[in-house]
């Protein structure tokens, strides 16, 4: 048996032994996702605040890294990256509403660009089965991006929260399904 196969069997056995925890985690994710969809502005601000904390942490780590490798030629660049992350995180923490407004534009632009790329890629996949799903996903992504951008700044009130909620629900559902499959095995 290969090392990868042995690791997969260990993972399956671990999931089977702890299927209840996976189920509980899935339910918690689903509840959090429903809350995010019911209160999208609160969820969006929460996402923004968590993002600010991550930026501050990354900034501090990059600054520590810069001083830890001071003899490296890229010290000043690493230090600048750390400072930019740190300042961005602090600014996001101080004014999460303005940060959410900005983040909403970025999210809308990402969906739009992703959708265009997926649509183009789908036509390159065209002789293969499944290319239509790729095209559909691309078109939906373009539509979501356009809705977010056209309705901005109003979309800030719902976009980040809805997206976080949908993601949490799908993550939760996957944990629930994994736990139930593990219980049956």
C-alpha atoms as a PDB file:
ATOM      1  CA  UNK A   1       0.000   0.000   0.000  1.00  0.00           C
ATOM      2  CA  UNK A   2       1.340   3.407  -0.949  1.00  0.00           C
ATOM      3  CA  UNK A   3       1.953   6.138   1.595  1.00  0.00           C
ATOM      4  CA  UNK A   4      -0.844   8.268   0.084  1.00  0.00           C
ATOM      5  CA  UNK A   5      -3.323   5.385   0.321  1.00  0.00           C
ATOM      6  CA  UNK A   6      -2.362   4.746   3.947  1.00  0.00           C
ATOM      7  CA  UNK A   7      -2.832   8.431   4.783  1.00  0.00           C
ATOM      8  CA  UNK A   8      -6.251   8.412   3.100  1.00  0.00           C
ATOM      9  CA  UNK A   9      -7.322   5.348   5.095  1.00  0.00           C
ATOM     10  CA  UNK A  10      -6.158   7.030   8.309  1.00  0.00           C
ATOM     11  CA  UNK A  11      -8.160  10.146   7.418  1.00  0.00           C
ATOM     12  CA  UNK A  12     -11.274   8.098   6.680  1.00  0.00           C
ATOM     13  CA  UNK A  13     -10.909   6.203   9.960  1.00  0.00           C
ATOM     14  CA  UNK A  14     -10.420   9.455  11.882  1.00  0.00           C
ATOM     15  CA  UNK A  15     -13.548  10.961  10.313  1.00  0.00           C
ATOM     16  CA  UNK A  16     -15.510   7.804  11.133  1.00  0.00           C
ATOM     17  CA  UNK A  17     -14.384   7.898  14.764  1.00  0.00           C
ATOM     18  CA  UNK A  18     -15.284  11.587  15.121  1.00  0.00           C
ATOM     19  CA  UNK A  19     -18.297  11.800  12.819  1.00  0.00           C
ATOM     20  CA  UNK A  20     -20.344  13.500  15.551  1.00  0.00           C
ATOM     21  CA  UNK A  21     -17.894  16.377  15.757  1.00  0.00           C
ATOM     22  CA  UNK A  22     -18.017  16.793  11.981  1.00  0.00           C
ATOM     23  CA  UNK A  23     -21.819  16.809  12.156  1.00  0.00           C
ATOM     24  CA  UNK A  24     -21.827  19.408  14.947  1.00  0.00           C
ATOM     25  CA  UNK A  25     -19.338  21.584  13.084  1.00  0.00           C
ATOM     26  CA  UNK A  26     -21.464  21.356   9.958  1.00  0.00           C
ATOM     27  CA  UNK A  27     -24.594  22.395  11.845  1.00  0.00           C
ATOM     28  CA  UNK A  28     -22.742  25.333  13.436  1.00  0.00           C
ATOM     29  CA  UNK A  29     -21.524  26.451   9.994  1.00  0.00           C
ATOM     30  CA  UNK A  30     -25.061  26.217   8.581  1.00  0.00           C
ATOM     31  CA  UNK A  31     -26.522  28.222  11.492  1.00  0.00           C
ATOM     32  CA  UNK A  32     -23.800  30.871  11.071  1.00  0.00           C
ATOM     33  CA  UNK A  33     -24.511  30.971   7.341  1.00  0.00           C
ATOM     34  CA  UNK A  34     -28.229  31.472   7.886  1.00  0.00           C
ATOM     35  CA  UNK A  35     -27.455  34.255  10.383  1.00  0.00           C
ATOM     36  CA  UNK A  36     -25.153  35.906   7.827  1.00  0.00           C
ATOM     37  CA  UNK A  37     -27.902  35.837   5.200  1.00  0.00           C
ATOM     38  CA  UNK A  38     -30.552  37.118   7.650  1.00  0.00           C
ATOM     39  CA  UNK A  39     -28.257  39.912   8.912  1.00  0.00           C
ATOM     40  CA  UNK A  40     -25.956  40.568   5.941  1.00  0.00           C
ATOM     41  CA  UNK A  41     -24.723  43.990   7.068  1.00  0.00           C
ATOM     42  CA  UNK A  42     -23.624  42.631  10.457  1.00  0.00           C
ATOM     43  CA  UNK A  43     -21.965  39.682   8.712  1.00  0.00           C
ATOM     44  CA  UNK A  44     -20.277  41.981   6.196  1.00  0.00           C
ATOM     45  CA  UNK A  45     -18.855  44.166   8.944  1.00  0.00           C
ATOM     46  CA  UNK A  46     -17.740  41.051  10.816  1.00  0.00           C
ATOM     47  CA  UNK A  47     -15.941  39.808   7.692  1.00  0.00           C
ATOM     48  CA  UNK A  48     -14.307  43.232   7.341  1.00  0.00           C
ATOM     49  CA  UNK A  49     -13.176  43.287  10.973  1.00  0.00           C
ATOM     50  CA  UNK A  50     -11.773  39.750  10.745  1.00  0.00           C
ATOM     51  CA  UNK A  51     -10.001  40.827   7.538  1.00  0.00           C
ATOM     52  CA  UNK A  52      -8.475  43.776   9.425  1.00  0.00           C
ATOM     53  CA  UNK A  53      -7.185  41.454  12.144  1.00  0.00           C
ATOM     54  CA  UNK A  54      -5.627  39.182   9.515  1.00  0.00           C
ATOM     55  CA  UNK A  55      -3.953  42.176   7.829  1.00  0.00           C
ATOM     56  CA  UNK A  56      -2.507  43.404  11.138  1.00  0.00           C
ATOM     57  CA  UNK A  57      -1.221  39.924  11.966  1.00  0.00           C
ATOM     58  CA  UNK A  58       0.314  39.508   8.497  1.00  0.00           C
ATOM     59  CA  UNK A  59       1.897  42.956   8.757  1.00  0.00           C
ATOM     60  CA  UNK A  60       3.486  42.153  12.102  1.00  0.00           C
ATOM     61  CA  UNK A  61       4.750  38.795  10.793  1.00  0.00           C
ATOM     62  CA  UNK A  62       6.229  40.415   7.666  1.00  0.00           C
ATOM     63  CA  UNK A  63       8.010  43.064   9.777  1.00  0.00           C
ATOM     64  CA  UNK A  64       9.413  40.384  12.084  1.00  0.00           C
ATOM     65  CA  UNK A  65      10.485  38.401   9.003  1.00  0.00           C
ATOM     66  CA  UNK A  66      12.200  41.481   7.558  1.00  0.00           C
ATOM     67  CA  UNK A  67      14.261  42.023  10.696  1.00  0.00           C
ATOM     68  CA  UNK A  68      14.948  38.301  10.979  1.00  0.00           C
ATOM     69  CA  UNK A  69      16.565  38.270   7.530  1.00  0.00           C
ATOM     70  CA  UNK A  70      18.121  41.730   7.655  1.00  0.00           C
ATOM     71  CA  UNK A  71      21.201  40.629   5.719  1.00  0.00           C
ATOM     72  CA  UNK A  72      19.004  39.610   2.764  1.00  0.00           C
ATOM     73  CA  UNK A  73      18.938  42.175  -0.043  1.00  0.00           C
ATOM     74  CA  UNK A  74      15.145  42.457   0.082  1.00  0.00           C
ATOM     75  CA  UNK A  75      14.996  43.695   3.698  1.00  0.00           C
ATOM     76  CA  UNK A  76      13.587  47.124   2.878  1.00  0.00           C
ATOM     77  CA  UNK A  77      10.938  45.662   0.557  1.00  0.00           C
ATOM     78  CA  UNK A  78       9.852  43.089   3.119  1.00  0.00           C
ATOM     79  CA  UNK A  79       9.687  45.825   5.743  1.00  0.00           C
ATOM     80  CA  UNK A  80       7.590  48.035   3.431  1.00  0.00           C
ATOM     81  CA  UNK A  81       5.206  45.161   2.691  1.00  0.00           C
ATOM     82  CA  UNK A  82       4.799  44.574   6.421  1.00  0.00           C
ATOM     83  CA  UNK A  83       4.153  48.250   7.085  1.00  0.00           C
ATOM     84  CA  UNK A  84       1.575  48.469   4.277  1.00  0.00           C
ATOM     85  CA  UNK A  85      -0.253  45.409   5.636  1.00  0.00           C
ATOM     86  CA  UNK A  86      -0.112  46.751   9.183  1.00  0.00           C
ATOM     87  CA  UNK A  87      -1.347  50.235   8.231  1.00  0.00           C
ATOM     88  CA  UNK A  88      -4.066  48.744   6.020  1.00  0.00           C
ATOM     89  CA  UNK A  89      -5.224  46.484   8.830  1.00  0.00           C
ATOM     90  CA  UNK A  90      -5.298  49.298  11.370  1.00  0.00           C
ATOM     91  CA  UNK A  91      -7.151  51.580   8.923  1.00  0.00           C
ATOM     92  CA  UNK A  92      -9.678  48.813   8.247  1.00  0.00           C
ATOM     93  CA  UNK A  93     -10.139  48.289  11.997  1.00  0.00           C
ATOM     94  CA  UNK A  94     -10.608  52.015  12.644  1.00  0.00           C
ATOM     95  CA  UNK A  95     -13.188  52.482   9.866  1.00  0.00           C
ATOM     96  CA  UNK A  96     -14.758  49.129   8.976  1.00  0.00           C
ATOM     97  CA  UNK A  97     -17.672  50.749   7.109  1.00  0.00           C
ATOM     98  CA  UNK A  98     -15.352  52.522   4.656  1.00  0.00           C
ATOM     99  CA  UNK A  99     -13.318  49.330   4.375  1.00  0.00           C
ATOM    100  CA  UNK A 100     -16.487  47.322   3.647  1.00  0.00           C
ATOM    101  CA  UNK A 101     -17.381  49.815   0.903  1.00  0.00           C
ATOM    102  CA  UNK A 102     -13.949  49.326  -0.666  1.00  0.00           C
ATOM    103  CA  UNK A 103     -13.969  45.568  -0.186  1.00  0.00           C
ATOM    104  CA  UNK A 104     -17.358  45.355  -1.896  1.00  0.00           C
ATOM    105  CA  UNK A 105     -15.914  46.986  -5.031  1.00  0.00           C
ATOM    106  CA  UNK A 106     -13.031  44.502  -5.012  1.00  0.00           C
ATOM    107  CA  UNK A 107     -15.406  41.551  -4.571  1.00  0.00           C
ATOM    108  CA  UNK A 108     -17.620  42.759  -7.430  1.00  0.00           C
ATOM    109  CA  UNK A 109     -14.612  43.234  -9.706  1.00  0.00           C
ATOM    110  CA  UNK A 110     -13.248  39.791  -8.827  1.00  0.00           C
ATOM    111  CA  UNK A 111     -16.570  38.110  -9.646  1.00  0.00           C
ATOM    112  CA  UNK A 112     -16.755  39.997 -12.933  1.00  0.00           C
ATOM    113  CA  UNK A 113     -13.185  39.122 -13.974  1.00  0.00           C
ATOM    114  CA  UNK A 114     -13.534  35.514 -12.842  1.00  0.00           C
ATOM    115  CA  UNK A 115     -16.735  35.136 -14.813  1.00  0.00           C
ATOM    116  CA  UNK A 116     -15.245  36.506 -18.008  1.00  0.00           C
ATOM    117  CA  UNK A 117     -12.239  34.198 -17.679  1.00  0.00           C
ATOM    118  CA  UNK A 118     -14.465  31.175 -16.988  1.00  0.00           C
ATOM    119  CA  UNK A 119     -16.642  31.973 -20.009  1.00  0.00           C
ATOM    120  CA  UNK A 120     -13.617  32.256 -22.293  1.00  0.00           C
ATOM    121  CA  UNK A 121     -12.144  29.063 -20.844  1.00  0.00           C
ATOM    122  CA  UNK A 122     -15.430  27.218 -21.380  1.00  0.00           C
ATOM    123  CA  UNK A 123     -15.232  27.799 -25.139  1.00  0.00           C
ATOM    124  CA  UNK A 124     -11.719  26.364 -25.153  1.00  0.00           C
ATOM    125  CA  UNK A 125     -13.098  23.278 -23.387  1.00  0.00           C
ATOM    126  CA  UNK A 126     -16.063  23.102 -25.785  1.00  0.00           C
ATOM    127  CA  UNK A 127     -15.542  19.689 -27.317  1.00  0.00           C
ATOM    128  CA  UNK A 128     -15.354  18.124 -23.836  1.00  0.00           C
ATOM    129  CA  UNK A 129     -18.381  17.350 -21.721  1.00  0.00           C
ATOM    130  CA  UNK A 130     -18.996  19.790 -18.904  1.00  0.00           C
ATOM    131  CA  UNK A 131     -18.032  22.897 -20.863  1.00  0.00           C
ATOM    132  CA  UNK A 132     -21.595  24.172 -20.527  1.00  0.00           C
ATOM    133  CA  UNK A 133     -21.341  24.082 -16.745  1.00  0.00           C
ATOM    134  CA  UNK A 134     -18.193  26.176 -16.934  1.00  0.00           C
ATOM    135  CA  UNK A 135     -19.956  28.662 -19.235  1.00  0.00           C
ATOM    136  CA  UNK A 136     -22.973  28.791 -16.898  1.00  0.00           C
ATOM    137  CA  UNK A 137     -20.730  29.397 -13.887  1.00  0.00           C
ATOM    138  CA  UNK A 138     -18.947  32.159 -15.792  1.00  0.00           C
ATOM    139  CA  UNK A 139     -22.171  33.862 -16.827  1.00  0.00           C
ATOM    140  CA  UNK A 140     -23.543  33.676 -13.272  1.00  0.00           C
ATOM    141  CA  UNK A 141     -20.307  35.097 -11.907  1.00  0.00           C
ATOM    142  CA  UNK A 142     -20.461  37.996 -14.386  1.00  0.00           C
ATOM    143  CA  UNK A 143     -24.072  38.677 -13.384  1.00  0.00           C
ATOM    144  CA  UNK A 144     -23.200  38.635  -9.659  1.00  0.00           C
ATOM    145  CA  UNK A 145     -20.235  40.955 -10.261  1.00  0.00           C
ATOM    146  CA  UNK A 146     -22.343  43.375 -12.299  1.00  0.00           C
ATOM    147  CA  UNK A 147     -25.127  43.405  -9.694  1.00  0.00           C
ATOM    148  CA  UNK A 148     -22.628  44.173  -6.929  1.00  0.00           C
ATOM    149  CA  UNK A 149     -20.877  46.907  -8.930  1.00  0.00           C
ATOM    150  CA  UNK A 150     -23.994  48.532 -10.427  1.00  0.00           C
ATOM    151  CA  UNK A 151     -25.727  48.660  -7.043  1.00  0.00           C
ATOM    152  CA  UNK A 152     -22.668  49.947  -5.183  1.00  0.00           C
ATOM    153  CA  UNK A 153     -22.610  51.508  -2.559  1.00  0.00           C
ATOM    154  CA  UNK A 154     -25.981  49.967  -1.631  1.00  0.00           C
ATOM    155  CA  UNK A 155     -24.617  46.482  -2.352  1.00  0.00           C
ATOM    156  CA  UNK A 156     -22.253  46.914   0.596  1.00  0.00           C
ATOM    157  CA  UNK A 157     -25.253  46.336   2.870  1.00  0.00           C
ATOM    158  CA  UNK A 158     -25.738  42.784   1.593  1.00  0.00           C
ATOM    159  CA  UNK A 159     -22.988  41.519  -0.745  1.00  0.00           C
ATOM    160  CA  UNK A 160     -20.275  40.532   1.727  1.00  0.00           C
ATOM    161  CA  UNK A 161     -22.782  39.083   4.203  1.00  0.00           C
ATOM    162  CA  UNK A 162     -24.668  37.064   1.592  1.00  0.00           C
ATOM    163  CA  UNK A 163     -21.457  35.697   0.105  1.00  0.00           C
ATOM    164  CA  UNK A 164     -20.134  34.770   3.551  1.00  0.00           C
ATOM    165  CA  UNK A 165     -23.472  33.172   4.416  1.00  0.00           C
ATOM    166  CA  UNK A 166     -23.649  31.123   1.240  1.00  0.00           C
ATOM    167  CA  UNK A 167     -20.070  29.973   1.737  1.00  0.00           C
ATOM    168  CA  UNK A 168     -20.745  28.993   5.356  1.00  0.00           C
ATOM    169  CA  UNK A 169     -23.889  27.072   4.422  1.00  0.00           C
ATOM    170  CA  UNK A 170     -22.101  25.111   1.679  1.00  0.00           C
ATOM    171  CA  UNK A 171     -19.166  24.394   4.009  1.00  0.00           C
ATOM    172  CA  UNK A 172     -21.543  23.289   6.733  1.00  0.00           C
ATOM    173  CA  UNK A 173     -23.498  21.100   4.355  1.00  0.00           C
ATOM    174  CA  UNK A 174     -20.272  19.423   3.202  1.00  0.00           C
ATOM    175  CA  UNK A 175     -19.336  18.635   6.839  1.00  0.00           C
ATOM    176  CA  UNK A 176     -22.819  17.242   7.487  1.00  0.00           C
ATOM    177  CA  UNK A 177     -22.653  15.032   4.395  1.00  0.00           C
ATOM    178  CA  UNK A 178     -19.121  13.833   5.232  1.00  0.00           C
ATOM    179  CA  UNK A 179     -20.165  12.995   8.791  1.00  0.00           C
ATOM    180  CA  UNK A 180     -23.270  11.079   7.690  1.00  0.00           C
ATOM    181  CA  UNK A 181     -21.293   9.154   5.059  1.00  0.00           C
ATOM    182  CA  UNK A 182     -18.639   8.300   7.671  1.00  0.00           C
ATOM    183  CA  UNK A 183     -21.299   7.109  10.116  1.00  0.00           C
ATOM    184  CA  UNK A 184     -22.758   4.744   7.505  1.00  0.00           C
ATOM    185  CA  UNK A 185     -19.384   3.190   6.644  1.00  0.00           C
END
